[in-house]
């Protein structure tokens, strides 16, 4: 632990340790995805890639390559995406 602390300080960081309430946000998302059918998961991935392409300037060929590998065609989304699960704030002690 001492070596890690010294290495972090050399990089300009401090290592802080805190206790926070359990956050099961990732498990909520995993369970939500597990309940989806395979085609719904693929559609959700297609929507995410399309969102990234529009918002972050991702190469448009990425969607074409994804479609070639999976057989998923680009087109309008069939169902609206689920709203995000609530996220708990972690507060240090």
N, C-alpha and C. Protein backbone atom coordinates (compact mmCIF):
# COMPACT_ATOMS: atom_id res chain seq x y z
N UNK A 1 0.82 -1.19 0.00
CA UNK A 1 0.00 0.00 0.00
C UNK A 1 0.87 1.26 0.00
N UNK A 2 1.97 1.19 0.70
CA UNK A 2 2.86 2.33 0.77
C UNK A 2 3.45 2.67 -0.60
N UNK A 3 3.79 1.64 -1.36
CA UNK A 3 4.36 1.85 -2.70
C UNK A 3 3.33 2.51 -3.62
N UNK A 4 2.11 2.05 -3.54
CA UNK A 4 1.03 2.63 -4.36
C UNK A 4 0.82 4.08 -3.98
N UNK A 5 0.80 4.38 -2.68
CA UNK A 5 0.61 5.75 -2.21
C UNK A 5 1.73 6.65 -2.71
N UNK A 6 2.99 6.20 -2.64
CA UNK A 6 4.11 7.00 -3.12
C UNK A 6 4.03 7.22 -4.63
N UNK A 7 3.65 6.18 -5.37
CA UNK A 7 3.54 6.31 -6.82
C UNK A 7 2.45 7.31 -7.19
N UNK A 8 1.33 7.26 -6.50
CA UNK A 8 0.25 8.20 -6.79
C UNK A 8 0.65 9.63 -6.46
N UNK A 9 1.32 9.82 -5.33
CA UNK A 9 1.78 11.16 -4.96
C UNK A 9 2.78 11.70 -5.98
N UNK A 10 3.64 10.82 -6.50
CA UNK A 10 4.60 11.25 -7.52
C UNK A 10 3.89 11.73 -8.78
N UNK A 11 2.68 11.22 -9.01
CA UNK A 11 1.89 11.64 -10.17
C UNK A 11 0.95 12.80 -9.85
N UNK A 12 1.00 13.29 -8.61
CA UNK A 12 0.16 14.41 -8.23
C UNK A 12 -1.21 14.02 -7.71
N UNK A 13 -1.37 12.78 -7.28
CA UNK A 13 -2.65 12.32 -6.77
C UNK A 13 -2.54 11.91 -5.31
N UNK A 14 -3.66 11.90 -4.63
CA UNK A 14 -3.77 11.39 -3.27
C UNK A 14 -4.72 10.21 -3.29
N UNK A 15 -4.41 9.19 -2.53
CA UNK A 15 -5.28 8.04 -2.42
C UNK A 15 -6.18 8.25 -1.22
N UNK A 16 -7.49 8.27 -1.47
CA UNK A 16 -8.45 8.42 -0.39
C UNK A 16 -9.27 7.15 -0.23
N UNK A 17 -9.54 6.81 0.99
CA UNK A 17 -10.35 5.62 1.26
C UNK A 17 -11.61 6.09 1.98
N UNK A 18 -12.74 5.62 1.49
CA UNK A 18 -14.01 6.01 2.11
C UNK A 18 -14.95 4.81 2.13
N UNK A 19 -15.95 4.91 2.95
CA UNK A 19 -16.99 3.90 3.03
C UNK A 19 -18.27 4.54 2.50
N UNK A 20 -18.95 3.84 1.61
CA UNK A 20 -20.17 4.39 1.03
C UNK A 20 -21.24 3.30 1.01
N UNK A 21 -22.50 3.71 0.91
CA UNK A 21 -23.59 2.72 0.84
C UNK A 21 -23.44 1.85 -0.40
N UNK A 22 -23.91 0.65 -0.30
CA UNK A 22 -23.85 -0.28 -1.44
C UNK A 22 -24.63 0.31 -2.61
N UNK A 23 -24.05 0.23 -3.80
CA UNK A 23 -24.67 0.75 -5.01
C UNK A 23 -24.87 -0.42 -5.97
N UNK A 24 -26.11 -0.81 -6.18
CA UNK A 24 -26.38 -1.95 -7.06
C UNK A 24 -26.81 -1.51 -8.46
N UNK A 25 -26.41 -0.31 -8.85
CA UNK A 25 -26.79 0.23 -10.15
C UNK A 25 -26.37 -0.70 -11.29
N UNK A 26 -25.13 -1.20 -11.24
CA UNK A 26 -24.66 -2.08 -12.31
C UNK A 26 -25.47 -3.36 -12.38
N UNK A 27 -25.87 -3.88 -11.24
CA UNK A 27 -26.68 -5.10 -11.23
C UNK A 27 -28.07 -4.84 -11.80
N UNK A 28 -28.61 -3.66 -11.56
CA UNK A 28 -29.91 -3.30 -12.12
C UNK A 28 -29.82 -3.29 -13.65
N UNK A 29 -28.75 -2.67 -14.17
CA UNK A 29 -28.58 -2.62 -15.62
C UNK A 29 -28.36 -4.02 -16.21
N UNK A 30 -27.55 -4.83 -15.54
CA UNK A 30 -27.29 -6.19 -16.03
C UNK A 30 -28.57 -7.01 -16.05
N UNK A 31 -29.38 -6.90 -15.02
CA UNK A 31 -30.63 -7.64 -14.96
C UNK A 31 -31.60 -7.16 -16.05
N UNK A 32 -31.63 -5.87 -16.29
CA UNK A 32 -32.49 -5.32 -17.34
C UNK A 32 -32.09 -5.88 -18.71
N UNK A 33 -30.79 -5.93 -18.97
CA UNK A 33 -30.32 -6.47 -20.25
C UNK A 33 -30.57 -7.97 -20.35
N UNK A 34 -30.43 -8.68 -19.24
CA UNK A 34 -30.64 -10.13 -19.25
C UNK A 34 -32.08 -10.47 -19.63
N UNK A 35 -33.01 -9.63 -19.23
CA UNK A 35 -34.43 -9.88 -19.52
C UNK A 35 -34.79 -9.63 -20.99
N UNK A 36 -33.96 -8.88 -21.69
CA UNK A 36 -34.26 -8.58 -23.10
C UNK A 36 -34.00 -9.81 -23.96
N UNK A 37 -34.73 -9.89 -25.07
CA UNK A 37 -34.45 -10.95 -26.04
C UNK A 37 -33.16 -10.60 -26.77
N UNK A 38 -32.60 -11.59 -27.44
CA UNK A 38 -31.35 -11.36 -28.19
C UNK A 38 -31.56 -10.27 -29.25
N UNK A 39 -32.69 -10.32 -29.95
CA UNK A 39 -32.93 -9.30 -30.98
C UNK A 39 -33.10 -7.91 -30.36
N UNK A 40 -33.69 -7.83 -29.17
CA UNK A 40 -33.84 -6.54 -28.51
C UNK A 40 -32.48 -6.00 -28.07
N UNK A 41 -31.59 -6.89 -27.61
CA UNK A 41 -30.24 -6.46 -27.22
C UNK A 41 -29.47 -5.96 -28.44
N UNK A 42 -29.62 -6.63 -29.56
CA UNK A 42 -28.94 -6.20 -30.79
C UNK A 42 -29.49 -4.85 -31.24
N UNK A 43 -30.79 -4.68 -31.16
CA UNK A 43 -31.41 -3.41 -31.54
C UNK A 43 -30.92 -2.28 -30.63
N UNK A 44 -30.81 -2.56 -29.34
CA UNK A 44 -30.32 -1.57 -28.39
C UNK A 44 -28.87 -1.19 -28.73
N UNK A 45 -28.07 -2.16 -29.08
CA UNK A 45 -26.69 -1.88 -29.48
C UNK A 45 -26.66 -1.05 -30.75
N UNK A 46 -27.53 -1.36 -31.70
CA UNK A 46 -27.60 -0.59 -32.94
C UNK A 46 -27.96 0.86 -32.64
N UNK A 47 -28.93 1.05 -31.74
CA UNK A 47 -29.33 2.41 -31.37
C UNK A 47 -28.19 3.16 -30.70
N UNK A 48 -27.44 2.46 -29.86
CA UNK A 48 -26.30 3.08 -29.18
C UNK A 48 -25.23 3.48 -30.19
N UNK A 49 -24.94 2.60 -31.14
CA UNK A 49 -23.95 2.94 -32.17
C UNK A 49 -24.42 4.13 -33.01
N UNK A 50 -25.70 4.17 -33.34
CA UNK A 50 -26.24 5.29 -34.11
C UNK A 50 -26.14 6.59 -33.30
N UNK A 51 -26.45 6.52 -32.03
CA UNK A 51 -26.35 7.69 -31.15
C UNK A 51 -24.91 8.19 -31.11
N UNK A 52 -23.97 7.28 -30.93
CA UNK A 52 -22.56 7.64 -30.91
C UNK A 52 -22.13 8.26 -32.24
N UNK A 53 -22.58 7.67 -33.32
CA UNK A 53 -22.20 8.18 -34.63
C UNK A 53 -22.69 9.61 -34.82
N UNK A 54 -23.92 9.87 -34.41
CA UNK A 54 -24.47 11.22 -34.55
C UNK A 54 -23.83 12.20 -33.59
N UNK A 55 -23.65 11.78 -32.33
CA UNK A 55 -23.22 12.71 -31.29
C UNK A 55 -21.72 12.89 -31.18
N UNK A 56 -20.96 11.86 -31.44
CA UNK A 56 -19.52 11.95 -31.21
C UNK A 56 -18.73 11.89 -32.50
N UNK A 57 -19.40 11.89 -33.62
CA UNK A 57 -18.69 11.87 -34.88
C UNK A 57 -18.01 10.54 -35.18
N UNK A 58 -18.58 9.44 -34.68
CA UNK A 58 -18.00 8.13 -34.97
C UNK A 58 -18.15 7.85 -36.45
N UNK A 59 -17.17 7.22 -37.03
CA UNK A 59 -17.16 6.86 -38.44
C UNK A 59 -18.46 6.13 -38.81
N UNK A 60 -19.18 6.62 -39.80
CA UNK A 60 -20.44 6.00 -40.21
C UNK A 60 -20.28 4.58 -40.70
N UNK A 61 -19.08 4.21 -41.14
CA UNK A 61 -18.84 2.84 -41.59
C UNK A 61 -18.96 1.83 -40.45
N UNK A 62 -18.82 2.30 -39.20
CA UNK A 62 -18.93 1.39 -38.07
C UNK A 62 -20.29 0.69 -38.07
N UNK A 63 -21.35 1.46 -38.33
CA UNK A 63 -22.68 0.85 -38.36
C UNK A 63 -22.81 -0.12 -39.52
N UNK A 64 -22.23 0.22 -40.65
CA UNK A 64 -22.28 -0.68 -41.80
C UNK A 64 -21.58 -2.00 -41.49
N UNK A 65 -20.40 -1.92 -40.88
CA UNK A 65 -19.66 -3.14 -40.53
C UNK A 65 -20.43 -3.96 -39.50
N UNK A 66 -21.05 -3.27 -38.52
CA UNK A 66 -21.85 -3.96 -37.51
C UNK A 66 -23.02 -4.69 -38.19
N UNK A 67 -23.68 -4.02 -39.12
CA UNK A 67 -24.79 -4.63 -39.84
C UNK A 67 -24.38 -5.82 -40.67
N UNK A 68 -23.21 -5.73 -41.29
CA UNK A 68 -22.73 -6.86 -42.10
C UNK A 68 -22.46 -8.09 -41.24
N UNK A 69 -21.91 -7.88 -40.05
CA UNK A 69 -21.58 -9.00 -39.17
C UNK A 69 -22.82 -9.62 -38.54
N UNK A 70 -23.83 -8.81 -38.24
CA UNK A 70 -24.98 -9.31 -37.48
C UNK A 70 -26.25 -9.47 -38.30
N UNK A 71 -26.27 -8.89 -39.49
CA UNK A 71 -27.49 -8.93 -40.29
C UNK A 71 -28.49 -7.86 -39.89
N UNK A 72 -28.13 -6.99 -38.94
CA UNK A 72 -29.03 -5.92 -38.50
C UNK A 72 -28.92 -4.77 -39.48
N UNK A 73 -30.06 -4.36 -40.01
CA UNK A 73 -30.09 -3.26 -40.97
C UNK A 73 -30.26 -1.94 -40.24
N UNK A 74 -29.66 -0.90 -40.79
CA UNK A 74 -29.89 0.42 -40.24
C UNK A 74 -31.31 0.84 -40.58
N UNK A 75 -31.93 1.49 -39.66
CA UNK A 75 -33.29 1.94 -39.89
C UNK A 75 -33.82 2.58 -38.62
N UNK A 76 -35.07 3.00 -38.65
CA UNK A 76 -35.63 3.64 -37.46
C UNK A 76 -35.74 2.66 -36.31
N UNK A 77 -35.57 3.18 -35.11
CA UNK A 77 -35.70 2.34 -33.92
C UNK A 77 -37.14 1.85 -33.80
N UNK A 78 -37.30 0.59 -33.40
CA UNK A 78 -38.63 0.02 -33.29
C UNK A 78 -39.28 0.31 -31.96
N UNK A 79 -38.47 0.43 -30.91
CA UNK A 79 -39.01 0.72 -29.58
C UNK A 79 -38.15 1.80 -28.94
N UNK A 80 -38.77 2.65 -28.13
CA UNK A 80 -37.96 3.66 -27.46
C UNK A 80 -37.06 3.01 -26.42
N UNK A 81 -35.88 3.59 -26.16
CA UNK A 81 -34.99 3.01 -25.16
C UNK A 81 -35.56 3.16 -23.76
N UNK A 82 -35.15 2.26 -22.87
CA UNK A 82 -35.57 2.34 -21.48
C UNK A 82 -34.95 3.57 -20.83
N UNK A 83 -35.65 4.17 -19.88
CA UNK A 83 -35.03 5.28 -19.15
C UNK A 83 -33.90 4.73 -18.28
N UNK A 84 -32.91 5.54 -17.99
CA UNK A 84 -31.81 5.04 -17.17
C UNK A 84 -32.28 4.74 -15.75
N UNK A 85 -31.64 3.75 -15.14
CA UNK A 85 -31.95 3.41 -13.75
C UNK A 85 -31.44 4.54 -12.86
N UNK A 86 -32.10 4.77 -11.73
CA UNK A 86 -31.64 5.83 -10.83
C UNK A 86 -30.24 5.52 -10.31
N UNK A 87 -29.44 6.55 -10.16
CA UNK A 87 -28.07 6.38 -9.69
C UNK A 87 -27.94 7.04 -8.32
N UNK A 88 -27.38 6.30 -7.39
CA UNK A 88 -27.19 6.85 -6.04
C UNK A 88 -25.89 7.63 -5.99
N UNK A 89 -25.91 8.70 -5.24
CA UNK A 89 -24.70 9.49 -5.05
C UNK A 89 -23.89 8.90 -3.91
N UNK A 90 -22.63 8.78 -4.14
CA UNK A 90 -21.72 8.32 -3.08
C UNK A 90 -21.18 9.55 -2.37
N UNK A 91 -21.26 9.54 -1.07
CA UNK A 91 -20.73 10.65 -0.31
C UNK A 91 -19.63 10.16 0.61
N UNK A 92 -18.50 10.87 0.62
CA UNK A 92 -17.41 10.44 1.51
C UNK A 92 -17.79 10.69 2.97
N UNK A 93 -17.17 9.93 3.83
CA UNK A 93 -17.44 10.11 5.26
C UNK A 93 -16.76 11.31 5.81
